[in-house]
Amino acid sequence: MGNITREKRDSFIKQIIDETRLRGRLTVRDACQMLGMNRDAVQRYFKIAEK
């Protein structure tokens, strides 16, 4: 997963949740572009955000 701090990870997850609430839905592709991250990492954050 690299050297991403817990705070940074939580920030990414919060961005995903906030953007989803704003748009009503958010695709992995849109989140990849928004966060500048690869698809696998974003999918991991989506799974965490679902909980």
PDB file of N, CA and C in Angstrom:
ATOM      1  N   MET A   1       0.814  -1.188   0.000  1.00  0.00           N
ATOM      2  CA  MET A   1       0.000   0.000   0.000  1.00  0.00           C
ATOM      3  C   MET A   1       0.857   1.250   0.000  1.00  0.00           C
ATOM      4  N   GLY A   2       2.124   1.139   0.209  1.00  0.00           N
ATOM      5  CA  GLY A   2       2.971   2.320   0.148  1.00  0.00           C
ATOM      6  C   GLY A   2       3.065   3.016   1.487  1.00  0.00           C
ATOM      7  N   ASN A   3       3.484   4.249   1.443  1.00  0.00           N
ATOM      8  CA  ASN A   3       3.697   5.016   2.663  1.00  0.00           C
ATOM      9  C   ASN A   3       2.616   6.065   2.874  1.00  0.00           C
ATOM     10  N   ILE A   4       1.387   5.640   2.861  1.00  0.00           N
ATOM     11  CA  ILE A   4       0.283   6.564   3.101  1.00  0.00           C
ATOM     12  C   ILE A   4      -0.064   6.500   4.579  1.00  0.00           C
ATOM     13  N   THR A   5      -0.079   7.659   5.217  1.00  0.00           N
ATOM     14  CA  THR A   5      -0.392   7.701   6.643  1.00  0.00           C
ATOM     15  C   THR A   5      -1.878   7.437   6.860  1.00  0.00           C
ATOM     16  N   ARG A   6      -2.199   7.089   8.066  1.00  0.00           N
ATOM     17  CA  ARG A   6      -3.598   6.839   8.430  1.00  0.00           C
ATOM     18  C   ARG A   6      -4.445   8.089   8.182  1.00  0.00           C
ATOM     19  N   GLU A   7      -3.895   9.258   8.499  1.00  0.00           N
ATOM     20  CA  GLU A   7      -4.621  10.512   8.300  1.00  0.00           C
ATOM     21  C   GLU A   7      -4.903  10.755   6.820  1.00  0.00           C
ATOM     22  N   LYS A   8      -3.911  10.482   5.973  1.00  0.00           N
ATOM     23  CA  LYS A   8      -4.073  10.670   4.531  1.00  0.00           C
ATOM     24  C   LYS A   8      -5.126   9.696   3.989  1.00  0.00           C
ATOM     25  N   ARG A   9      -5.047   8.437   4.434  1.00  0.00           N
ATOM     26  CA  ARG A   9      -6.031   7.437   4.008  1.00  0.00           C
ATOM     27  C   ARG A   9      -7.439   7.853   4.423  1.00  0.00           C
ATOM     28  N   ASP A  10      -7.575   8.298   5.665  1.00  0.00           N
ATOM     29  CA  ASP A  10      -8.879   8.743   6.148  1.00  0.00           C
ATOM     30  C   ASP A  10      -9.383   9.945   5.354  1.00  0.00           C
ATOM     31  N   SER A  11      -8.458  10.804   4.935  1.00  0.00           N
ATOM     32  CA  SER A  11      -8.814  11.958   4.111  1.00  0.00           C
ATOM     33  C   SER A  11      -9.363  11.516   2.757  1.00  0.00           C
ATOM     34  N   PHE A  12      -8.719  10.520   2.138  1.00  0.00           N
ATOM     35  CA  PHE A  12      -9.194   9.994   0.853  1.00  0.00           C
ATOM     36  C   PHE A  12     -10.595   9.399   1.003  1.00  0.00           C
ATOM     37  N   ILE A  13     -10.795   8.643   2.061  1.00  0.00           N
ATOM     38  CA  ILE A  13     -12.096   8.015   2.303  1.00  0.00           C
ATOM     39  C   ILE A  13     -13.169   9.078   2.520  1.00  0.00           C
ATOM     40  N   LYS A  14     -12.833  10.119   3.279  1.00  0.00           N
ATOM     41  CA  LYS A  14     -13.784  11.210   3.508  1.00  0.00           C
ATOM     42  C   LYS A  14     -14.131  11.911   2.199  1.00  0.00           C
ATOM     43  N   GLN A  15     -13.148  12.113   1.337  1.00  0.00           N
ATOM     44  CA  GLN A  15     -13.407  12.740   0.036  1.00  0.00           C
ATOM     45  C   GLN A  15     -14.362  11.885  -0.796  1.00  0.00           C
ATOM     46  N   ILE A  16     -14.160  10.571  -0.759  1.00  0.00           N
ATOM     47  CA  ILE A  16     -15.042   9.657  -1.498  1.00  0.00           C
ATOM     48  C   ILE A  16     -16.467   9.757  -0.967  1.00  0.00           C
ATOM     49  N   ILE A  17     -16.617   9.734   0.345  1.00  0.00           N
ATOM     50  CA  ILE A  17     -17.947   9.808   0.954  1.00  0.00           C
ATOM     51  C   ILE A  17     -18.611  11.146   0.644  1.00  0.00           C
ATOM     52  N   ASP A  18     -17.869  12.244   0.813  1.00  0.00           N
ATOM     53  CA  ASP A  18     -18.434  13.577   0.560  1.00  0.00           C
ATOM     54  C   ASP A  18     -18.852  13.750  -0.896  1.00  0.00           C
ATOM     55  N   GLU A  19     -18.005  13.305  -1.807  1.00  0.00           N
ATOM     56  CA  GLU A  19     -18.310  13.449  -3.233  1.00  0.00           C
ATOM     57  C   GLU A  19     -19.508  12.582  -3.625  1.00  0.00           C
ATOM     58  N   THR A  20     -19.612  11.403  -3.017  1.00  0.00           N
ATOM     59  CA  THR A  20     -20.756  10.526  -3.285  1.00  0.00           C
ATOM     60  C   THR A  20     -22.046  11.174  -2.801  1.00  0.00           C
ATOM     61  N   ARG A  21     -22.003  11.775  -1.632  1.00  0.00           N
ATOM     62  CA  ARG A  21     -23.197  12.464  -1.119  1.00  0.00           C
ATOM     63  C   ARG A  21     -23.576  13.635  -2.019  1.00  0.00           C
ATOM     64  N   LEU A  22     -22.582  14.348  -2.511  1.00  0.00           N
ATOM     65  CA  LEU A  22     -22.828  15.504  -3.375  1.00  0.00           C
ATOM     66  C   LEU A  22     -23.432  15.094  -4.717  1.00  0.00           C
ATOM     67  N   ARG A  23     -22.845  14.064  -5.335  1.00  0.00           N
ATOM     68  CA  ARG A  23     -23.279  13.635  -6.674  1.00  0.00           C
ATOM     69  C   ARG A  23     -24.438  12.648  -6.657  1.00  0.00           C
ATOM     70  N   GLY A  24     -24.591  11.938  -5.551  1.00  0.00           N
ATOM     71  CA  GLY A  24     -25.593  10.877  -5.497  1.00  0.00           C
ATOM     72  C   GLY A  24     -24.990   9.522  -5.822  1.00  0.00           C
ATOM     73  N   ARG A  25     -23.922   9.520  -6.603  1.00  0.00           N
ATOM     74  CA  ARG A  25     -23.177   8.288  -6.904  1.00  0.00           C
ATOM     75  C   ARG A  25     -21.795   8.690  -7.407  1.00  0.00           C
ATOM     76  N   LEU A  26     -20.842   7.800  -7.217  1.00  0.00           N
ATOM     77  CA  LEU A  26     -19.469   8.059  -7.640  1.00  0.00           C
ATOM     78  C   LEU A  26     -18.879   6.759  -8.155  1.00  0.00           C
ATOM     79  N   THR A  27     -18.370   6.778  -9.365  1.00  0.00           N
ATOM     80  CA  THR A  27     -17.755   5.581  -9.925  1.00  0.00           C
ATOM     81  C   THR A  27     -16.297   5.512  -9.494  1.00  0.00           C
ATOM     82  N   VAL A  28     -15.742   4.323  -9.569  1.00  0.00           N
ATOM     83  CA  VAL A  28     -14.328   4.146  -9.258  1.00  0.00           C
ATOM     84  C   VAL A  28     -13.489   4.983 -10.218  1.00  0.00           C
ATOM     85  N   ARG A  29     -13.898   5.004 -11.464  1.00  0.00           N
ATOM     86  CA  ARG A  29     -13.162   5.787 -12.469  1.00  0.00           C
ATOM     87  C   ARG A  29     -13.130   7.277 -12.103  1.00  0.00           C
ATOM     88  N   ASP A  30     -14.288   7.816 -11.706  1.00  0.00           N
ATOM     89  CA  ASP A  30     -14.346   9.222 -11.305  1.00  0.00           C
ATOM     90  C   ASP A  30     -13.468   9.485 -10.083  1.00  0.00           C
ATOM     91  N   ALA A  31     -13.504   8.562  -9.131  1.00  0.00           N
ATOM     92  CA  ALA A  31     -12.699   8.719  -7.925  1.00  0.00           C
ATOM     93  C   ALA A  31     -11.205   8.645  -8.247  1.00  0.00           C
ATOM     94  N   CYS A  32     -10.830   7.785  -9.193  1.00  0.00           N
ATOM     95  CA  CYS A  32      -9.426   7.694  -9.613  1.00  0.00           C
ATOM     96  C   CYS A  32      -8.948   9.033 -10.156  1.00  0.00           C
ATOM     97  N   GLN A  33      -9.761   9.644 -10.985  1.00  0.00           N
ATOM     98  CA  GLN A  33      -9.402  10.946 -11.552  1.00  0.00           C
ATOM     99  C   GLN A  33      -9.365  12.017 -10.470  1.00  0.00           C
ATOM    100  N   MET A  34     -10.321  11.998  -9.581  1.00  0.00           N
ATOM    101  CA  MET A  34     -10.420  12.999  -8.530  1.00  0.00           C
ATOM    102  C   MET A  34      -9.236  12.925  -7.562  1.00  0.00           C
ATOM    103  N   LEU A  35      -8.859  11.688  -7.179  1.00  0.00           N
ATOM    104  CA  LEU A  35      -7.798  11.496  -6.193  1.00  0.00           C
ATOM    105  C   LEU A  35      -6.416  11.342  -6.818  1.00  0.00           C
ATOM    106  N   GLY A  36      -6.376  11.096  -8.127  1.00  0.00           N
ATOM    107  CA  GLY A  36      -5.092  10.884  -8.787  1.00  0.00           C
ATOM    108  C   GLY A  36      -4.429   9.587  -8.363  1.00  0.00           C
ATOM    109  N   MET A  37      -5.244   8.565  -8.142  1.00  0.00           N
ATOM    110  CA  MET A  37      -4.737   7.276  -7.672  1.00  0.00           C
ATOM    111  C   MET A  37      -5.123   6.177  -8.647  1.00  0.00           C
ATOM    112  N   ASN A  38      -4.466   5.021  -8.484  1.00  0.00           N
ATOM    113  CA  ASN A  38      -4.802   3.894  -9.358  1.00  0.00           C
ATOM    114  C   ASN A  38      -6.085   3.208  -8.884  1.00  0.00           C
ATOM    115  N   ARG A  39      -6.647   2.423  -9.780  1.00  0.00           N
ATOM    116  CA  ARG A  39      -7.946   1.788  -9.560  1.00  0.00           C
ATOM    117  C   ARG A  39      -7.951   0.848  -8.346  1.00  0.00           C
ATOM    118  N   ASP A  40      -6.905   0.061  -8.163  1.00  0.00           N
ATOM    119  CA  ASP A  40      -6.865  -0.887  -7.049  1.00  0.00           C
ATOM    120  C   ASP A  40      -6.919  -0.173  -5.700  1.00  0.00           C
ATOM    121  N   ALA A  41      -6.155   0.898  -5.578  1.00  0.00           N
ATOM    122  CA  ALA A  41      -6.143   1.653  -4.322  1.00  0.00           C
ATOM    123  C   ALA A  41      -7.510   2.268  -4.052  1.00  0.00           C
ATOM    124  N   VAL A  42      -8.107   2.849  -5.077  1.00  0.00           N
ATOM    125  CA  VAL A  42      -9.416   3.481  -4.909  1.00  0.00           C
ATOM    126  C   VAL A  42     -10.468   2.440  -4.540  1.00  0.00           C
ATOM    127  N   GLN A  43     -10.410   1.266  -5.136  1.00  0.00           N
ATOM    128  CA  GLN A  43     -11.373   0.211  -4.795  1.00  0.00           C
ATOM    129  C   GLN A  43     -11.231  -0.203  -3.334  1.00  0.00           C
ATOM    130  N   ARG A  44     -10.006  -0.258  -2.833  1.00  0.00           N
ATOM    131  CA  ARG A  44      -9.801  -0.566  -1.408  1.00  0.00           C
ATOM    132  C   ARG A  44     -10.471   0.486  -0.537  1.00  0.00           C
ATOM    133  N   TYR A  45     -10.329   1.759  -0.908  1.00  0.00           N
ATOM    134  CA  TYR A  45     -10.935   2.838  -0.134  1.00  0.00           C
ATOM    135  C   TYR A  45     -12.455   2.807  -0.228  1.00  0.00           C
ATOM    136  N   PHE A  46     -12.992   2.423  -1.378  1.00  0.00           N
ATOM    137  CA  PHE A  46     -14.439   2.275  -1.523  1.00  0.00           C
ATOM    138  C   PHE A  46     -14.942   1.214  -0.544  1.00  0.00           C
ATOM    139  N   LYS A  47     -14.242   0.096  -0.450  1.00  0.00           N
ATOM    140  CA  LYS A  47     -14.667  -0.982   0.446  1.00  0.00           C
ATOM    141  C   LYS A  47     -14.642  -0.525   1.896  1.00  0.00           C
ATOM    142  N   ILE A  48     -13.618   0.235   2.265  1.00  0.00           N
ATOM    143  CA  ILE A  48     -13.536   0.750   3.633  1.00  0.00           C
ATOM    144  C   ILE A  48     -14.673   1.737   3.880  1.00  0.00           C
ATOM    145  N   ALA A  49     -14.959   2.587   2.888  1.00  0.00           N
ATOM    146  CA  ALA A  49     -16.006   3.604   3.035  1.00  0.00           C
ATOM    147  C   ALA A  49     -17.391   2.978   3.166  1.00  0.00           C
ATOM    148  N   GLU A  50     -17.593   1.798   2.589  1.00  0.00           N
ATOM    149  CA  GLU A  50     -18.894   1.122   2.668  1.00  0.00           C
ATOM    150  C   GLU A  50     -19.243   0.706   4.084  1.00  0.00           C
ATOM    151  N   LYS A  51     -18.250   0.443   4.903  1.00  0.00           N
ATOM    152  CA  LYS A  51     -18.490  -0.082   6.258  1.00  0.00           C
ATOM    153  C   LYS A  51     -19.085   0.927   7.186  1.00  0.00           C
TER     154      LYS A  51
END
